[in-house]
């Protein structure tokens, strides 16, 4: 069995609780938490995996789709570029989307993330896309095991 904290092979694993989560760890990692027994509670790895599986299998609500989108990182450049291309001032754009000039100015500088409603108005007015599809990236395991450990996350920093 692999230690769920560092990922090393743990001959004799102990069950500890770290910030409310129960982990099976090797003897060198047991100092990072308090030893617990199954009756003390906490989430076991099996419990967590079961909850994740249930969450993934839940049907989406009617308002969402499987392909979710988020605000593009260069949204402010897209907005100011499209406004300038159309020959509009910030005041004119603000008037068209029923917002204050200061809001448009902050959005174009990247100081303010626009609300979903403002994003929709800007996309329609400027005829641009401000949202991009979210791309899921599968994490790599460092030791060939099938699970991701906290140690793997720390190594990737």
N, C-alpha and C. Protein backbone atom coordinates (compact mmCIF):
# COMPACT_ATOMS: atom_id res chain seq x y z
N UNK A 1 0.83 -1.17 0.00
CA UNK A 1 0.00 0.00 0.00
C UNK A 1 0.88 1.24 0.00
N UNK A 2 0.49 2.27 -0.74
CA UNK A 2 1.24 3.52 -0.79
C UNK A 2 0.73 4.49 0.25
N UNK A 3 1.65 5.27 0.81
CA UNK A 3 1.30 6.32 1.76
C UNK A 3 0.48 7.37 1.02
N UNK A 4 -0.64 7.76 1.60
CA UNK A 4 -1.51 8.74 0.96
C UNK A 4 -1.02 10.17 1.14
N UNK A 5 0.06 10.36 1.87
CA UNK A 5 0.59 11.69 2.07
C UNK A 5 1.83 11.93 1.21
N UNK A 6 2.79 11.01 1.24
CA UNK A 6 4.03 11.21 0.48
C UNK A 6 4.13 10.31 -0.75
N UNK A 7 3.34 9.25 -0.83
CA UNK A 7 3.34 8.37 -1.99
C UNK A 7 4.30 7.21 -1.91
N UNK A 8 5.12 7.14 -0.85
CA UNK A 8 6.07 6.05 -0.71
C UNK A 8 5.36 4.76 -0.34
N UNK A 9 6.03 3.65 -0.60
CA UNK A 9 5.49 2.34 -0.23
C UNK A 9 5.47 2.27 1.30
N UNK A 10 4.32 2.00 1.87
CA UNK A 10 4.17 1.93 3.33
C UNK A 10 3.94 0.48 3.72
N UNK A 11 4.92 -0.12 4.36
CA UNK A 11 4.78 -1.50 4.80
C UNK A 11 3.69 -1.63 5.84
N UNK A 12 3.83 -0.89 6.92
CA UNK A 12 2.84 -0.92 8.00
C UNK A 12 2.20 0.46 8.07
N UNK A 13 1.07 0.62 7.45
CA UNK A 13 0.40 1.92 7.39
C UNK A 13 -0.40 2.17 8.65
N UNK A 14 -0.43 3.44 9.04
CA UNK A 14 -1.25 3.87 10.17
C UNK A 14 -2.30 4.82 9.65
N UNK A 15 -3.43 4.84 10.32
CA UNK A 15 -4.52 5.73 9.95
C UNK A 15 -4.42 6.96 10.84
N UNK A 16 -4.23 8.15 10.21
CA UNK A 16 -4.16 9.41 10.95
C UNK A 16 -5.20 10.38 10.41
N UNK A 17 -5.45 11.42 11.19
CA UNK A 17 -6.38 12.44 10.74
C UNK A 17 -5.60 13.74 10.58
N UNK A 18 -5.68 14.34 9.38
CA UNK A 18 -5.02 15.59 9.07
C UNK A 18 -6.09 16.57 8.62
N UNK A 19 -6.31 17.60 9.40
CA UNK A 19 -7.30 18.63 9.10
C UNK A 19 -8.66 18.04 8.72
N UNK A 20 -9.11 17.05 9.48
CA UNK A 20 -10.43 16.49 9.29
C UNK A 20 -10.53 15.35 8.30
N UNK A 21 -9.44 15.02 7.63
CA UNK A 21 -9.46 13.93 6.66
C UNK A 21 -8.61 12.78 7.17
N UNK A 22 -9.14 11.57 7.08
CA UNK A 22 -8.42 10.39 7.53
C UNK A 22 -7.59 9.84 6.38
N UNK A 23 -6.30 9.61 6.66
CA UNK A 23 -5.38 9.11 5.64
C UNK A 23 -4.64 7.89 6.17
N UNK A 24 -4.23 7.00 5.28
CA UNK A 24 -3.36 5.89 5.65
C UNK A 24 -1.95 6.29 5.22
N UNK A 25 -1.04 6.36 6.22
CA UNK A 25 0.28 6.90 5.95
C UNK A 25 1.38 5.96 6.42
N UNK A 26 2.59 6.21 5.92
CA UNK A 26 3.76 5.45 6.33
C UNK A 26 4.22 5.94 7.70
N UNK A 27 5.09 5.19 8.37
CA UNK A 27 5.56 5.60 9.70
C UNK A 27 6.24 6.97 9.72
N UNK A 28 6.91 7.37 8.65
CA UNK A 28 7.59 8.67 8.67
C UNK A 28 6.61 9.84 8.52
N UNK A 29 5.42 9.60 8.02
CA UNK A 29 4.44 10.68 7.85
C UNK A 29 3.42 10.74 8.98
N UNK A 30 3.44 9.77 9.88
CA UNK A 30 2.41 9.75 10.93
C UNK A 30 2.52 10.93 11.87
N UNK A 31 3.66 11.60 11.92
CA UNK A 31 3.83 12.77 12.80
C UNK A 31 3.03 13.98 12.33
N UNK A 32 2.51 13.95 11.10
CA UNK A 32 1.77 15.08 10.55
C UNK A 32 0.30 15.11 10.98
N UNK A 33 -0.12 14.12 11.74
CA UNK A 33 -1.52 14.10 12.16
C UNK A 33 -1.69 13.33 13.44
N UNK A 34 -2.93 13.10 13.80
CA UNK A 34 -3.28 12.40 15.03
C UNK A 34 -3.82 11.02 14.64
N UNK A 35 -3.31 10.00 15.31
CA UNK A 35 -3.76 8.64 15.00
C UNK A 35 -5.23 8.51 15.35
N UNK A 36 -5.99 7.91 14.46
CA UNK A 36 -7.42 7.72 14.67
C UNK A 36 -7.79 6.27 14.41
N UNK A 37 -8.94 5.92 14.90
CA UNK A 37 -9.49 4.60 14.65
C UNK A 37 -10.78 4.81 13.89
N UNK A 38 -11.26 3.82 13.21
CA UNK A 38 -12.43 3.98 12.34
C UNK A 38 -13.62 4.58 13.06
N UNK A 39 -13.79 4.34 14.33
CA UNK A 39 -14.95 4.86 15.04
C UNK A 39 -14.87 6.35 15.28
N UNK A 40 -13.66 6.98 15.13
CA UNK A 40 -13.51 8.41 15.39
C UNK A 40 -14.01 9.28 14.25
N UNK A 41 -14.29 8.74 13.12
CA UNK A 41 -14.83 9.53 12.01
C UNK A 41 -13.75 9.98 11.05
N UNK A 42 -14.02 11.04 10.32
CA UNK A 42 -13.11 11.48 9.28
C UNK A 42 -13.46 10.77 7.99
N UNK A 43 -12.88 11.20 6.94
CA UNK A 43 -13.18 10.61 5.64
C UNK A 43 -12.06 9.67 5.23
N UNK A 44 -12.42 8.45 4.93
CA UNK A 44 -11.42 7.52 4.41
C UNK A 44 -11.29 7.75 2.91
N UNK A 45 -10.23 7.24 2.34
CA UNK A 45 -10.01 7.39 0.91
C UNK A 45 -11.17 6.78 0.13
N UNK A 46 -11.65 5.65 0.60
CA UNK A 46 -12.77 5.00 -0.08
C UNK A 46 -14.01 5.88 -0.05
N UNK A 47 -14.27 6.55 1.10
CA UNK A 47 -15.42 7.45 1.21
C UNK A 47 -15.30 8.60 0.21
N UNK A 48 -14.10 9.17 0.13
CA UNK A 48 -13.88 10.30 -0.76
C UNK A 48 -14.07 9.88 -2.21
N UNK A 49 -13.48 8.74 -2.59
CA UNK A 49 -13.63 8.26 -3.96
C UNK A 49 -15.09 7.96 -4.30
N UNK A 50 -15.83 7.42 -3.34
CA UNK A 50 -17.25 7.12 -3.56
C UNK A 50 -18.03 8.41 -3.78
N UNK A 51 -17.72 9.46 -2.98
CA UNK A 51 -18.42 10.74 -3.15
C UNK A 51 -18.10 11.37 -4.49
N UNK A 52 -16.84 11.29 -4.92
CA UNK A 52 -16.45 11.85 -6.21
C UNK A 52 -17.17 11.12 -7.34
N UNK A 53 -17.24 9.79 -7.25
CA UNK A 53 -17.93 9.01 -8.27
C UNK A 53 -19.41 9.37 -8.34
N UNK A 54 -20.04 9.50 -7.17
CA UNK A 54 -21.46 9.88 -7.14
C UNK A 54 -21.66 11.26 -7.75
N UNK A 55 -20.76 12.20 -7.44
CA UNK A 55 -20.89 13.55 -7.96
C UNK A 55 -20.74 13.58 -9.49
N UNK A 56 -19.81 12.78 -10.01
CA UNK A 56 -19.61 12.74 -11.46
C UNK A 56 -20.80 12.11 -12.18
N UNK A 57 -21.48 11.19 -11.51
CA UNK A 57 -22.60 10.48 -12.15
C UNK A 57 -23.92 11.21 -11.99
N UNK A 58 -23.94 12.30 -11.21
CA UNK A 58 -25.18 13.06 -11.04
C UNK A 58 -25.57 13.70 -12.36
N UNK A 59 -26.87 13.70 -12.66
CA UNK A 59 -27.29 14.38 -13.90
C UNK A 59 -27.13 15.88 -13.74
N UNK A 60 -26.82 16.54 -14.85
CA UNK A 60 -26.69 17.98 -14.83
C UNK A 60 -28.05 18.61 -14.70
N UNK A 61 -28.10 19.78 -14.06
CA UNK A 61 -29.37 20.49 -13.97
C UNK A 61 -29.71 21.03 -15.35
N UNK A 62 -30.94 21.45 -15.53
CA UNK A 62 -31.40 21.87 -16.84
C UNK A 62 -30.66 23.10 -17.35
N UNK A 63 -30.06 23.90 -16.46
CA UNK A 63 -29.40 25.12 -16.88
C UNK A 63 -27.95 24.95 -17.28
N UNK A 64 -27.37 23.79 -17.08
CA UNK A 64 -25.95 23.63 -17.39
C UNK A 64 -25.76 22.57 -18.46
N UNK A 65 -24.63 22.66 -19.11
CA UNK A 65 -24.26 21.65 -20.10
C UNK A 65 -22.95 21.03 -19.67
N UNK A 66 -22.59 19.95 -20.31
CA UNK A 66 -21.35 19.28 -19.96
C UNK A 66 -20.15 20.12 -20.36
N UNK A 67 -20.26 20.88 -21.43
CA UNK A 67 -19.16 21.75 -21.85
C UNK A 67 -19.35 23.11 -21.19
N UNK A 68 -18.59 23.34 -20.13
CA UNK A 68 -18.69 24.60 -19.42
C UNK A 68 -17.66 25.56 -19.98
N UNK A 69 -17.96 26.84 -19.85
CA UNK A 69 -17.07 27.87 -20.34
C UNK A 69 -16.73 28.82 -19.19
N UNK A 70 -15.54 29.42 -19.28
CA UNK A 70 -15.13 30.40 -18.30
C UNK A 70 -14.55 31.61 -19.03
N UNK A 71 -14.45 32.71 -18.31
CA UNK A 71 -13.96 33.95 -18.89
C UNK A 71 -12.52 33.76 -19.38
N UNK A 72 -12.25 34.18 -20.60
CA UNK A 72 -10.91 34.05 -21.18
C UNK A 72 -9.92 34.90 -20.39
N UNK A 73 -8.67 34.46 -20.35
CA UNK A 73 -7.65 35.20 -19.61
C UNK A 73 -7.37 36.57 -20.22
N UNK A 74 -7.53 36.68 -21.54
CA UNK A 74 -7.26 37.95 -22.21
C UNK A 74 -8.55 38.72 -22.53
N UNK A 75 -9.56 38.55 -21.68
CA UNK A 75 -10.87 39.17 -21.94
C UNK A 75 -10.74 40.69 -22.10
N UNK A 76 -9.90 41.31 -21.27
CA UNK A 76 -9.78 42.77 -21.30
C UNK A 76 -9.17 43.25 -22.63
N UNK A 77 -8.23 42.49 -23.18
CA UNK A 77 -7.63 42.86 -24.46
C UNK A 77 -8.64 42.69 -25.59
N UNK A 78 -9.44 41.64 -25.51
CA UNK A 78 -10.46 41.41 -26.55
C UNK A 78 -11.48 42.55 -26.56
N UNK A 79 -11.88 42.99 -25.37
CA UNK A 79 -12.90 44.04 -25.27
C UNK A 79 -12.35 45.36 -25.81
N UNK A 80 -11.17 45.76 -25.32
CA UNK A 80 -10.63 47.06 -25.77
C UNK A 80 -10.29 47.02 -27.26
N UNK A 81 -9.77 45.88 -27.75
CA UNK A 81 -9.46 45.76 -29.17
C UNK A 81 -10.68 45.88 -30.05
N UNK A 82 -11.77 45.22 -29.66
CA UNK A 82 -13.00 45.28 -30.45
C UNK A 82 -13.63 46.67 -30.40
N UNK A 83 -13.55 47.32 -29.23
CA UNK A 83 -14.09 48.68 -29.11
C UNK A 83 -13.34 49.65 -30.01
N UNK A 84 -12.02 49.55 -29.97
CA UNK A 84 -11.18 50.44 -30.81
C UNK A 84 -11.41 50.15 -32.29
N UNK A 85 -11.53 48.86 -32.63
CA UNK A 85 -11.77 48.47 -34.02
C UNK A 85 -13.08 49.09 -34.55
N UNK A 86 -14.10 49.16 -33.67
CA UNK A 86 -15.37 49.76 -34.06
C UNK A 86 -15.34 51.29 -34.01
N UNK A 87 -14.25 51.85 -33.47
CA UNK A 87 -14.13 53.31 -33.41
C UNK A 87 -14.96 53.94 -32.32
N UNK A 88 -15.25 53.21 -31.25
CA UNK A 88 -16.07 53.71 -30.15
C UNK A 88 -15.20 54.14 -28.98
N UNK A 89 -15.67 55.13 -28.24
CA UNK A 89 -15.01 55.51 -26.99
C UNK A 89 -15.56 54.61 -25.89
N UNK A 90 -14.89 54.66 -24.73
CA UNK A 90 -15.39 53.89 -23.60
C UNK A 90 -16.78 54.38 -23.18
N UNK A 91 -17.00 55.68 -23.28
CA UNK A 91 -18.31 56.24 -22.92
C UNK A 91 -19.40 55.72 -23.85
N UNK A 92 -19.10 55.65 -25.15
CA UNK A 92 -20.09 55.16 -26.12
C UNK A 92 -20.42 53.69 -25.86
N UNK A 93 -19.38 52.88 -25.60
CA UNK A 93 -19.61 51.46 -25.31
C UNK A 93 -20.42 51.30 -24.03
N UNK A 94 -20.07 52.10 -23.02
CA UNK A 94 -20.79 52.04 -21.74
C UNK A 94 -22.27 52.35 -21.94
N UNK A 95 -22.55 53.33 -22.76
CA UNK A 95 -23.95 53.69 -23.04
C UNK A 95 -24.68 52.56 -23.75
N UNK A 96 -23.99 51.88 -24.68
CA UNK A 96 -24.63 50.79 -25.44
C UNK A 96 -24.97 49.58 -24.56
N UNK A 97 -24.16 49.32 -23.54
CA UNK A 97 -24.40 48.15 -22.68
C UNK A 97 -25.03 48.55 -21.34
N UNK A 98 -25.39 49.85 -21.23
CA UNK A 98 -26.07 50.37 -20.04
C UNK A 98 -25.21 50.19 -18.78
N UNK A 99 -23.96 50.62 -18.87
CA UNK A 99 -23.02 50.57 -17.75
C UNK A 99 -22.34 51.92 -17.60
N UNK A 100 -21.66 52.12 -16.48
CA UNK A 100 -20.89 53.33 -16.27
C UNK A 100 -19.57 53.23 -17.04
N UNK A 101 -19.04 54.37 -17.43
CA UNK A 101 -17.75 54.41 -18.13
C UNK A 101 -16.65 53.83 -17.24
N UNK A 102 -16.72 54.09 -15.93
CA UNK A 102 -15.69 53.60 -15.01
C UNK A 102 -15.65 52.07 -14.97
N UNK A 103 -16.80 51.44 -15.12
CA UNK A 103 -16.86 49.97 -15.14
C UNK A 103 -16.17 49.45 -16.39
N UNK A 104 -16.49 50.05 -17.54
CA UNK A 104 -15.86 49.64 -18.80
C UNK A 104 -14.35 49.86 -18.72
N UNK A 105 -13.93 50.98 -18.16
CA UNK A 105 -12.51 51.29 -18.03
C UNK A 105 -11.79 50.24 -17.18
N UNK A 106 -12.38 49.87 -16.05
CA UNK A 106 -11.77 48.87 -15.17
C UNK A 106 -11.75 47.49 -15.82
N UNK A 107 -12.80 47.15 -16.55
CA UNK A 107 -12.85 45.86 -17.24
C UNK A 107 -11.76 45.81 -18.32
N UNK A 108 -11.57 46.90 -19.06
CA UNK A 108 -10.55 46.93 -20.11
C UNK A 108 -9.13 46.89 -19.55
N UNK A 109 -8.94 47.37 -18.33
CA UNK A 109 -7.61 47.30 -17.69
C UNK A 109 -7.39 45.96 -17.01
N UNK A 110 -8.42 45.13 -16.92
CA UNK A 110 -8.31 43.83 -16.27
C UNK A 110 -8.43 43.91 -14.76
N UNK A 111 -8.88 45.04 -14.24
CA UNK A 111 -9.03 45.23 -12.80
C UNK A 111 -10.36 44.71 -12.28
N UNK A 112 -11.30 44.49 -13.18
CA UNK A 112 -12.63 44.05 -12.80
C UNK A 112 -13.07 42.92 -13.72
N UNK A 113 -13.50 41.82 -13.13
CA UNK A 113 -14.05 40.72 -13.92
C UNK A 113 -15.53 41.01 -14.14
N UNK A 114 -15.97 41.08 -15.37
CA UNK A 114 -17.37 41.42 -15.63
C UNK A 114 -18.32 40.30 -15.19
N UNK A 115 -19.51 40.70 -14.79
CA UNK A 115 -20.54 39.72 -14.43
C UNK A 115 -20.96 38.96 -15.68
N UNK A 116 -21.65 37.85 -15.48
CA UNK A 116 -22.12 37.06 -16.63
C UNK A 116 -23.04 37.89 -17.52
N UNK A 117 -23.86 38.73 -16.92
CA UNK A 117 -24.77 39.57 -17.69
C UNK A 117 -24.00 40.58 -18.54
N UNK A 118 -22.97 41.20 -17.94
CA UNK A 118 -22.17 42.17 -18.68
C UNK A 118 -21.37 41.47 -19.79
N UNK A 119 -20.88 40.28 -19.51
CA UNK A 119 -20.17 39.51 -20.54
C UNK A 119 -21.08 39.28 -21.73
N UNK A 120 -22.33 38.87 -21.46
CA UNK A 120 -23.29 38.62 -22.54
C UNK A 120 -23.54 39.89 -23.34
N UNK A 121 -23.73 41.03 -22.65
CA UNK A 121 -23.97 42.30 -23.34
C UNK A 121 -22.78 42.71 -24.20
N UNK A 122 -21.57 42.56 -23.64
CA UNK A 122 -20.36 42.93 -24.39
C UNK A 122 -20.16 42.03 -25.60
N UNK A 123 -20.41 40.72 -25.43
CA UNK A 123 -20.27 39.79 -26.55
C UNK A 123 -21.23 40.15 -27.68
N UNK A 124 -22.47 40.47 -27.33
CA UNK A 124 -23.47 40.81 -28.35
C UNK A 124 -23.17 42.15 -29.01
N UNK A 125 -22.78 43.14 -28.22
CA UNK A 125 -22.52 44.48 -28.75
C UNK A 125 -21.27 44.51 -29.61
N UNK A 126 -20.20 43.88 -29.13
CA UNK A 126 -18.91 43.92 -29.84
C UNK A 126 -18.74 42.78 -30.83
N UNK A 127 -19.68 41.81 -30.81
CA UNK A 127 -19.62 40.64 -31.69
C UNK A 127 -18.30 39.86 -31.49
N UNK A 128 -18.00 39.55 -30.22
CA UNK A 128 -16.79 38.81 -29.87
C UNK A 128 -17.14 37.70 -28.88
N UNK A 129 -16.22 36.76 -28.70
CA UNK A 129 -16.36 35.69 -27.71
C UNK A 129 -15.45 36.01 -26.53
N UNK A 130 -16.00 36.07 -25.32
CA UNK A 130 -15.21 36.35 -24.13
C UNK A 130 -15.03 35.12 -23.26
N UNK A 131 -15.76 34.05 -23.55
CA UNK A 131 -15.66 32.83 -22.75
C UNK A 131 -15.05 31.72 -23.58
N UNK A 132 -14.27 30.87 -22.89
CA UNK A 132 -13.62 29.74 -23.55
C UNK A 132 -14.02 28.45 -22.84
N UNK A 133 -13.98 27.36 -23.58
CA UNK A 133 -14.30 26.05 -23.00
C UNK A 133 -13.22 25.67 -21.99
N UNK A 134 -13.63 25.04 -20.90
CA UNK A 134 -12.70 24.57 -19.88
C UNK A 134 -12.10 23.26 -20.35
N UNK A 135 -10.78 23.17 -20.30
CA UNK A 135 -10.08 21.96 -20.70
C UNK A 135 -9.62 21.25 -19.44
N UNK A 136 -10.06 20.00 -19.26
CA UNK A 136 -9.65 19.24 -18.08
C UNK A 136 -8.31 18.59 -18.35
N UNK A 137 -7.41 18.67 -17.38
CA UNK A 137 -6.09 18.09 -17.49
C UNK A 137 -5.96 17.01 -16.43
N UNK A 138 -5.61 15.79 -16.85
CA UNK A 138 -5.43 14.69 -15.91
C UNK A 138 -4.05 14.80 -15.27
N UNK A 139 -3.97 14.75 -13.94
CA UNK A 139 -2.67 14.83 -13.28
C UNK A 139 -1.86 13.57 -13.51
N UNK A 140 -0.52 13.73 -13.55
CA UNK A 140 0.37 12.60 -13.70
C UNK A 140 0.78 12.09 -12.32
N UNK A 141 0.83 10.81 -12.18
CA UNK A 141 1.28 10.22 -10.92
C UNK A 141 2.78 10.00 -11.02
N UNK A 142 3.50 10.37 -9.96
CA UNK A 142 4.96 10.32 -10.03
C UNK A 142 5.53 8.93 -9.83
N UNK A 143 4.80 8.03 -9.18
CA UNK A 143 5.39 6.71 -8.90
C UNK A 143 4.66 5.57 -9.61
N UNK A 144 3.86 5.86 -10.58
CA UNK A 144 3.20 4.82 -11.34
C UNK A 144 1.95 4.28 -10.68
N UNK A 145 1.60 4.74 -9.48
CA UNK A 145 0.38 4.26 -8.84
C UNK A 145 -0.81 4.96 -9.49
N UNK A 146 -1.98 4.43 -9.24
CA UNK A 146 -3.16 4.98 -9.89
C UNK A 146 -3.73 6.18 -9.15
N UNK A 147 -3.28 6.43 -7.89
CA UNK A 147 -3.84 7.52 -7.12
C UNK A 147 -2.91 8.71 -7.03
N UNK A 148 -3.48 9.88 -6.83
CA UNK A 148 -2.74 11.11 -6.67
C UNK A 148 -2.57 11.37 -5.18
N UNK A 149 -1.36 11.63 -4.75
CA UNK A 149 -1.11 11.89 -3.34
C UNK A 149 -0.85 13.36 -3.11
N UNK A 150 -0.90 13.78 -1.88
CA UNK A 150 -0.59 15.17 -1.54
C UNK A 150 0.86 15.47 -1.93
N UNK A 151 1.73 14.49 -1.80
CA UNK A 151 3.12 14.65 -2.20
C UNK A 151 3.25 14.96 -3.69
N UNK A 152 2.42 14.32 -4.52
CA UNK A 152 2.43 14.59 -5.96
C UNK A 152 2.08 16.05 -6.24
N UNK A 153 1.09 16.56 -5.51
CA UNK A 153 0.68 17.94 -5.70
C UNK A 153 1.80 18.90 -5.32
N UNK A 154 2.52 18.59 -4.25
CA UNK A 154 3.61 19.46 -3.80
C UNK A 154 4.78 19.43 -4.77
N UNK A 155 5.04 18.28 -5.39
CA UNK A 155 6.14 18.16 -6.35
C UNK A 155 5.88 19.00 -7.59
N UNK A 156 4.60 19.12 -7.98
CA UNK A 156 4.24 19.84 -9.21
C UNK A 156 4.29 21.35 -9.05
N UNK A 157 4.53 21.85 -7.86
CA UNK A 157 4.60 23.29 -7.66
C UNK A 157 5.86 23.76 -8.18
